[in-house]
Protein backbone atom coordinates (compact mmCIF):
# COMPACT_ATOMS: atom_id res chain seq x y z
CA MET A 1 81.15 110.62 140.66
CA PRO A 2 84.94 109.94 140.81
CA LYS A 3 87.06 112.83 139.59
CA ILE A 4 88.27 110.96 136.51
CA LYS A 5 84.66 110.80 135.28
CA TYR A 6 84.58 114.57 135.04
CA MET A 7 87.65 114.58 132.81
CA LYS A 8 86.09 111.86 130.67
CA ARG A 9 83.05 114.09 130.32
CA ALA A 10 85.31 116.98 129.29
CA LEU A 11 86.98 114.80 126.65
CA SER A 12 83.59 113.78 125.32
CA LEU A 13 82.47 117.41 125.16
CA ALA A 14 85.63 118.36 123.28
CA LYS A 15 84.56 116.18 120.35
CA GLY A 16 81.69 118.59 119.80
CA GLY A 17 84.22 120.68 117.88
CA TRP A 18 85.01 117.77 115.52
CA GLY A 19 86.26 119.14 112.22
CA GLU A 20 85.44 122.77 113.06
CA THR A 21 88.31 124.03 115.22
CA SER A 22 91.35 123.70 112.90
CA PRO A 23 93.98 124.99 113.33
CA ASN A 24 92.96 125.11 116.99
CA PRO A 25 92.66 121.99 119.17
CA MET A 26 89.43 120.41 120.35
CA VAL A 27 88.94 121.27 124.02
CA GLY A 28 86.26 120.51 126.58
CA ALA A 29 85.75 121.83 130.12
CA VAL A 30 83.56 120.84 133.07
CA ILE A 31 82.97 122.81 136.29
CA VAL A 32 82.08 120.87 139.46
CA ARG A 33 81.08 121.84 143.00
CA ASP A 34 80.03 119.52 145.79
CA GLY A 35 79.99 116.54 143.41
CA LYS A 36 77.65 118.23 140.95
CA ILE A 37 78.37 119.50 137.43
CA ILE A 38 77.32 123.14 137.38
CA GLY A 39 78.87 124.23 134.09
CA GLU A 40 80.35 122.74 130.94
CA GLY A 41 81.40 123.77 127.46
CA TYR A 42 83.63 123.10 124.49
CA HIS A 43 85.46 125.04 121.79
CA SER A 44 83.04 124.90 118.88
CA ARG A 45 84.91 126.69 116.12
CA CYS A 46 88.13 128.59 115.47
CA GLY A 47 87.59 132.20 116.56
CA MET A 48 84.75 131.31 118.94
CA PRO A 49 85.11 131.34 122.76
CA HIS A 50 87.28 128.62 124.25
CA ALA A 51 85.92 125.72 126.29
CA GLU A 52 86.79 127.24 129.67
CA VAL A 53 84.89 130.45 128.90
CA GLU A 54 81.91 128.53 127.54
CA ALA A 55 81.80 126.42 130.71
CA ILE A 56 81.95 129.49 132.95
CA ARG A 57 79.19 131.21 130.94
CA SER A 58 76.97 128.11 131.13
CA ALA A 59 77.01 128.05 134.94
CA LYS A 60 73.89 129.45 136.57
CA GLU A 61 75.38 129.91 140.02
CA ASN A 62 78.39 131.43 141.75
CA LEU A 63 81.60 129.55 140.94
CA SER A 64 83.54 130.50 144.06
CA GLY A 65 85.29 127.41 145.40
CA ALA A 66 84.42 125.21 142.38
CA GLU A 67 86.74 122.91 140.43
CA MET A 68 87.35 122.91 136.69
CA TYR A 69 88.33 119.91 134.57
CA VAL A 70 89.80 120.90 131.20
CA THR A 71 91.38 118.74 128.50
CA LEU A 72 94.17 121.17 127.52
CA GLU A 73 96.13 123.79 129.41
CA PRO A 74 94.23 127.11 129.42
CA CYS A 75 95.75 129.80 127.20
CA ASN A 76 97.41 132.77 128.84
CA PHE A 77 97.70 135.21 125.91
CA TYR A 78 95.50 137.39 123.73
CA GLY A 79 94.79 135.82 120.35
CA ARG A 80 91.44 135.87 118.62
CA THR A 81 89.96 135.62 122.12
CA PRO A 82 91.14 136.86 125.55
CA PRO A 83 93.21 134.59 127.84
CA CYS A 84 91.20 131.77 129.42
CA THR A 85 93.37 132.02 132.52
CA ASP A 86 91.96 135.49 133.19
CA ALA A 87 88.38 134.21 133.01
CA ILE A 88 89.18 131.32 135.37
CA ILE A 89 90.88 133.58 137.91
CA LYS A 90 88.02 136.08 137.81
CA SER A 91 85.40 133.33 138.25
CA GLY A 92 86.57 132.28 141.70
CA ILE A 93 87.33 128.68 140.73
CA ARG A 94 89.74 127.30 143.34
CA LYS A 95 91.20 124.23 141.60
CA VAL A 96 91.88 123.27 137.98
CA TYR A 97 92.56 119.75 136.72
CA ILE A 98 94.35 119.83 133.34
CA ALA A 99 94.69 116.69 131.22
CA THR A 100 97.80 117.83 129.34
CA LEU A 101 100.01 120.86 128.82
CA ASP A 102 99.68 122.80 125.58
CA PRO A 103 102.68 122.16 123.26
CA ASN A 104 102.36 125.67 121.84
CA PRO A 105 105.45 127.58 123.09
CA ARG A 106 103.23 130.62 123.70
CA VAL A 107 101.37 128.66 126.36
CA SER A 108 103.29 125.56 127.43
CA GLY A 109 103.49 125.80 131.21
CA GLY A 110 102.60 129.49 131.16
CA GLY A 111 98.90 128.88 131.70
CA VAL A 112 99.61 126.68 134.70
CA LYS A 113 102.03 129.25 136.17
CA LYS A 114 99.56 132.10 135.80
CA LEU A 115 96.83 130.15 137.58
CA ARG A 116 99.16 129.09 140.40
CA ASP A 117 100.48 132.63 140.80
CA ALA A 118 96.85 133.68 141.34
CA GLY A 119 96.50 131.16 144.17
CA ILE A 120 94.61 128.50 142.23
CA ASP A 121 95.54 124.87 142.88
CA VAL A 122 96.49 123.15 139.60
CA GLU A 123 96.92 119.45 138.88
CA VAL A 124 98.20 118.21 135.50
CA GLY A 125 98.12 114.75 133.92
CA MET A 126 94.65 113.26 134.44
CA LEU A 127 93.90 111.17 131.28
CA GLU A 128 96.90 112.77 129.60
CA ASN A 129 97.33 110.08 126.92
CA GLU A 130 93.67 110.29 125.93
CA ALA A 131 93.88 114.07 125.70
CA LYS A 132 96.98 113.92 123.51
CA ARG A 133 95.35 111.34 121.21
CA LEU A 134 92.28 113.55 120.87
CA ASN A 135 94.48 116.38 119.62
CA GLU A 136 97.19 114.39 117.83
CA ILE A 137 96.69 116.59 114.77
CA TYR A 138 97.30 119.76 116.79
CA PHE A 139 100.31 118.33 118.60
CA LYS A 140 102.06 117.38 115.35
CA ASN A 141 101.19 120.74 113.79
CA ILE A 142 102.80 122.63 116.67
CA GLN A 143 105.82 120.36 117.08
CA GLU A 144 106.69 119.65 113.43
CA LYS A 145 104.92 122.35 111.38
CA LEU A 146 103.55 119.65 109.06
CA PRO A 147 100.12 118.15 108.38
CA PHE A 148 99.01 115.06 110.29
CA VAL A 149 98.46 112.30 107.72
CA ILE A 150 95.89 109.50 108.10
CA GLY A 151 95.80 106.58 105.70
CA LYS A 152 92.34 105.04 105.42
CA ALA A 153 91.30 101.90 103.57
CA ALA A 154 88.43 99.43 103.38
CA ILE A 155 89.69 95.89 102.81
CA THR A 156 88.36 92.36 102.61
CA LEU A 157 89.31 89.73 105.13
CA ASP A 158 91.97 88.51 102.69
CA GLY A 159 93.44 91.99 102.30
CA PHE A 160 92.07 93.45 99.06
CA ILE A 161 90.78 96.98 98.45
CA ALA A 162 89.06 96.00 95.20
CA ASP A 163 88.37 92.95 93.07
CA THR A 164 90.39 92.15 89.94
CA SER A 165 88.16 94.46 87.84
CA GLY A 166 88.88 97.38 90.19
CA ASN A 167 85.40 97.37 91.74
CA SER A 168 85.31 98.28 95.45
CA ARG A 169 81.60 99.07 95.99
CA TRP A 170 80.94 98.18 98.63
CA ILE A 171 83.46 96.24 100.66
CA THR A 172 82.41 97.52 104.07
CA SER A 173 79.08 98.22 105.77
CA GLU A 174 77.09 101.45 105.72
CA SER A 175 78.19 102.00 109.33
CA SER A 176 81.83 101.96 108.24
CA ARG A 177 81.14 104.26 105.30
CA LYS A 178 79.52 106.75 107.68
CA ALA A 179 82.59 106.50 109.94
CA SER A 180 84.75 107.23 106.89
CA HIS A 181 82.68 110.32 106.18
CA MET A 182 83.17 111.44 109.78
CA LEU A 183 86.90 111.25 109.11
CA ARG A 184 86.43 113.37 106.01
CA ALA A 185 84.59 115.92 108.13
CA LEU A 186 87.51 116.04 110.57
CA VAL A 187 90.35 116.78 108.18
CA ASP A 188 91.34 119.78 106.09
CA GLY A 189 92.25 117.77 102.99
CA ILE A 190 91.46 114.45 101.28
CA LEU A 191 93.79 112.81 98.76
CA VAL A 192 93.37 110.02 96.22
CA GLY A 193 95.24 108.86 93.15
CA ALA A 194 94.20 109.18 89.52
CA GLU A 195 93.38 105.47 89.36
CA THR A 196 90.86 105.82 92.20
CA VAL A 197 89.21 108.67 90.30
CA ARG A 198 89.00 106.53 87.16
CA CYS A 199 87.73 103.37 88.88
CA ASP A 200 85.45 104.76 91.59
CA ASN A 201 84.52 108.25 90.36
CA PRO A 202 84.30 109.38 94.02
CA ARG A 203 82.78 112.61 95.26
CA LEU A 204 84.99 112.76 98.37
CA THR A 205 82.31 114.72 100.22
CA THR A 206 80.49 114.10 103.51
CA TYR A 207 77.05 113.33 102.09
CA LEU A 208 76.44 110.52 104.62
CA VAL A 209 76.96 112.78 107.66
CA GLU A 210 76.73 116.43 108.62
CA GLY A 211 80.08 118.13 108.20
CA LYS A 212 82.25 120.25 106.00
CA THR A 213 83.76 119.03 102.74
CA ALA A 214 87.53 119.13 102.87
CA ILE A 215 89.70 120.35 100.02
CA ARG A 216 90.27 117.48 97.55
CA PHE A 217 93.65 116.50 96.10
CA VAL A 218 94.42 114.09 93.27
CA LEU A 219 97.87 112.68 92.60
CA ALA A 220 98.20 112.37 88.82
CA ARG A 221 101.04 112.25 86.32
CA HIS A 222 98.88 112.62 83.23
CA PRO A 223 95.67 114.52 82.41
CA LEU A 224 92.31 112.88 83.03
CA GLU A 225 89.06 113.30 81.14
CA TYR A 226 87.85 115.93 83.56
CA GLU A 227 84.27 116.08 82.33
CA ARG A 228 83.72 112.41 83.25
CA TYR A 229 84.32 112.64 86.99
CA HIS A 230 82.35 114.15 89.89
CA ILE A 231 85.42 115.54 91.62
CA PHE A 232 86.20 117.78 88.64
CA THR A 233 82.66 118.86 87.74
CA ASP A 234 80.94 119.66 91.05
CA GLY A 235 82.52 123.10 91.38
CA LEU A 236 84.22 122.39 94.74
CA PRO A 237 87.89 123.36 95.20
CA THR A 238 90.18 120.56 94.03
CA TYR A 239 93.90 120.37 93.35
CA ILE A 240 95.89 118.10 91.07
CA ILE A 241 99.34 117.41 92.47
CA THR A 242 101.95 116.08 90.07
CA ASP A 243 105.70 115.65 89.64
CA ASN A 244 105.29 115.86 85.88
CA PRO A 245 106.73 119.25 84.83
CA ASP A 246 104.92 118.96 81.49
CA TYR A 247 101.45 118.44 82.94
CA PRO A 248 99.25 120.77 80.83
CA GLU A 249 97.22 123.49 82.52
CA GLU A 250 95.06 123.87 79.42
CA GLY A 251 91.60 122.43 79.79
CA LEU A 252 91.50 122.45 83.59
CA PRO A 253 88.01 123.24 84.96
CA ASP A 254 87.69 126.51 86.86
CA ASN A 255 87.56 124.76 90.25
CA ILE A 256 90.78 122.82 89.60
CA SER A 257 94.27 124.10 90.42
CA LEU A 258 97.55 122.49 89.43
CA VAL A 259 100.47 122.02 91.82
CA ILE A 260 103.75 120.81 90.27
CA LEU A 261 106.38 119.49 92.67
CA SER A 262 109.91 118.51 91.65
CA ASN A 263 110.34 116.03 94.50
CA LEU A 264 106.96 114.60 95.43
CA SER A 265 107.97 112.60 98.51
CA LYS A 266 110.01 115.47 99.98
CA ASP A 267 107.81 118.40 99.04
CA ILE A 268 104.20 117.26 99.31
CA LEU A 269 103.68 117.75 103.05
CA PRO A 270 105.50 121.12 103.27
CA GLU A 271 103.48 122.30 100.26
CA LEU A 272 100.21 121.23 101.85
CA TRP A 273 101.25 123.02 105.06
CA LYS A 274 101.73 126.24 103.06
CA MET A 275 98.17 125.75 101.80
CA ASN A 276 96.90 125.67 105.42
CA ILE A 277 96.21 121.94 105.30
CA ARG A 278 96.77 120.82 108.88
CA SER A 279 95.40 117.29 108.45
CA LEU A 280 95.17 115.02 105.43
CA LEU A 281 93.11 111.86 104.84
CA VAL A 282 94.56 109.58 102.17
CA GLU A 283 91.96 107.25 100.69
CA GLY A 284 94.09 105.45 98.12
CA GLY A 285 94.29 103.43 96.03
CA GLY A 286 97.10 100.91 96.25
CA GLU A 287 99.74 102.90 94.42
CA VAL A 288 99.11 105.99 96.55
CA HIS A 289 99.04 104.04 99.81
CA SER A 290 102.33 102.37 98.80
CA PHE A 291 103.90 105.76 98.05
CA PHE A 292 102.88 107.25 101.40
CA LEU A 293 103.93 104.17 103.34
CA GLU A 294 107.31 103.70 101.63
CA ASN A 295 108.16 107.35 102.24
CA SER A 296 107.08 107.25 105.93
CA LEU A 297 104.45 109.93 105.36
CA TYR A 298 101.68 108.28 107.40
CA ASP A 299 101.20 109.22 111.04
CA LYS A 300 98.30 106.84 111.45
CA MET A 301 96.27 104.27 109.52
CA LEU A 302 92.62 103.35 109.94
CA ILE A 303 91.85 100.06 108.23
CA PHE A 304 88.24 98.90 107.97
CA VAL A 305 88.18 95.11 107.56
CA ALA A 306 85.03 93.50 106.18
CA PRO A 307 84.33 89.80 106.81
CA LYS A 308 84.37 89.04 103.08
CA VAL A 309 86.74 86.90 101.02
CA ILE A 310 87.27 87.36 97.27
CA GLY A 311 90.43 85.29 96.80
CA ASN A 312 92.19 87.73 94.47
CA GLY A 313 92.13 91.44 93.82
CA LYS A 314 94.02 94.68 94.32
CA GLY A 315 95.98 95.05 97.56
CA MET A 316 96.20 98.11 99.77
CA PHE A 317 99.98 98.16 99.36
CA GLY A 318 100.22 96.39 96.02
CA ASN A 319 103.37 98.23 94.96
CA ILE A 320 105.41 97.11 97.98
CA THR A 321 107.40 93.91 97.78
CA ARG A 322 109.64 93.01 100.71
CA ARG A 323 111.04 89.90 102.30
CA LEU A 324 109.70 89.09 105.74
CA GLN A 325 112.96 89.99 107.48
CA ASN A 326 112.69 93.50 105.98
CA ALA A 327 109.00 93.98 106.66
CA MET A 328 107.78 97.36 107.86
CA GLU A 329 106.52 97.01 111.43
CA PHE A 330 103.66 98.83 113.09
CA CYS A 331 101.64 98.65 116.29
CA ILE A 332 97.89 98.25 116.64
CA GLU A 333 96.47 100.83 119.02
CA SER A 334 92.96 99.42 119.02
CA VAL A 335 90.53 97.08 117.30
CA ASP A 336 86.94 98.30 117.28
CA LYS A 337 83.66 97.24 115.69
CA SER A 338 81.77 99.19 113.02
CA GLY A 339 78.64 97.34 112.04
CA ASN A 340 79.89 93.90 111.03
CA ASP A 341 83.38 95.20 110.26
CA ALA A 342 86.54 95.51 112.36
CA VAL A 343 88.41 98.81 112.52
CA LEU A 344 92.16 98.69 113.13
CA THR A 345 93.86 101.86 114.37
CA VAL A 346 97.53 101.52 113.47
CA TYR A 347 100.60 103.62 114.25
CA LYS A 348 104.30 103.35 113.55
CA LYS A 349 106.03 100.88 115.83
CA GLY A 350 106.62 102.45 119.24
CA LYS A 351 103.98 105.16 118.74
CA CYS A 352 101.04 103.31 120.31
CA SER A 353 99.92 104.19 123.82
CA GLN A 354 101.28 100.86 125.07
CA GLY A 355 104.35 100.98 122.85
């Protein structure tokens, strides 16, 4: 098996921590000797052993002279767990392939140096772009101290998120809805607007897949009839975010908290960061998507396109009106299939792997 296959295996293993490791990254590790995988592991949850340690523990034979493939630079400091570099050195592993350095200043380059100082051969950069994409949330968190924001929408082939009556059930296939729930399981927070609550009465949970339910947020300027909607009556933690200083706290259900911000576009991400929200999934509707897009708050968009045409309806960015010469430009990282739908992964122009 070519060496790159082992790193691909490590990247695949890392996804075993999907939605469970925040604020830590997802990391996978594979140990190989004589062309045979003899140990592997991944970081399953924040506070649990790291991938390198799990891989070492899984091995049933002596590791002297083996190679390790790991998706992120091993840590070299005591946190909730001991340094992974110490475990690697003690194991007798002779060479470590690292996909990418850790952006955390406490580690960045230090893990590599400690391994090399111990006489271990280290090579960095195998599948680096893939490793950074896997942990794009973590990288932004460390570098900018802000949540990573994903805009998600299901649209028809002619670009609508709902018909003229506001009905959006269901535009996309069950496969796409399950993929959306996997996204919900990944993030720390989910946000919609008041109009989405009124029209769709969503639960914003992960009932189609196994996974945690993120904290829910609703952008609203005026009170809603709380008793009518699932999101306010199911007892799960939910926040209303508003820039209306007169929004009344009276009548809020016990599971609902109110956050009043004076400058919504400037303050919302720093406020969410203070609340330990490291990743946010924005599910709309059109007014909310327009707000996030106009204020450059999206890091990434995932657009599920169903092969359906309705001719007229509500657009994903219905509040944005620009001339073509002033259009916002983006790059498409990938186009994938989900059932009978297409899934576009979109970044700001210049942020895609190929520019």
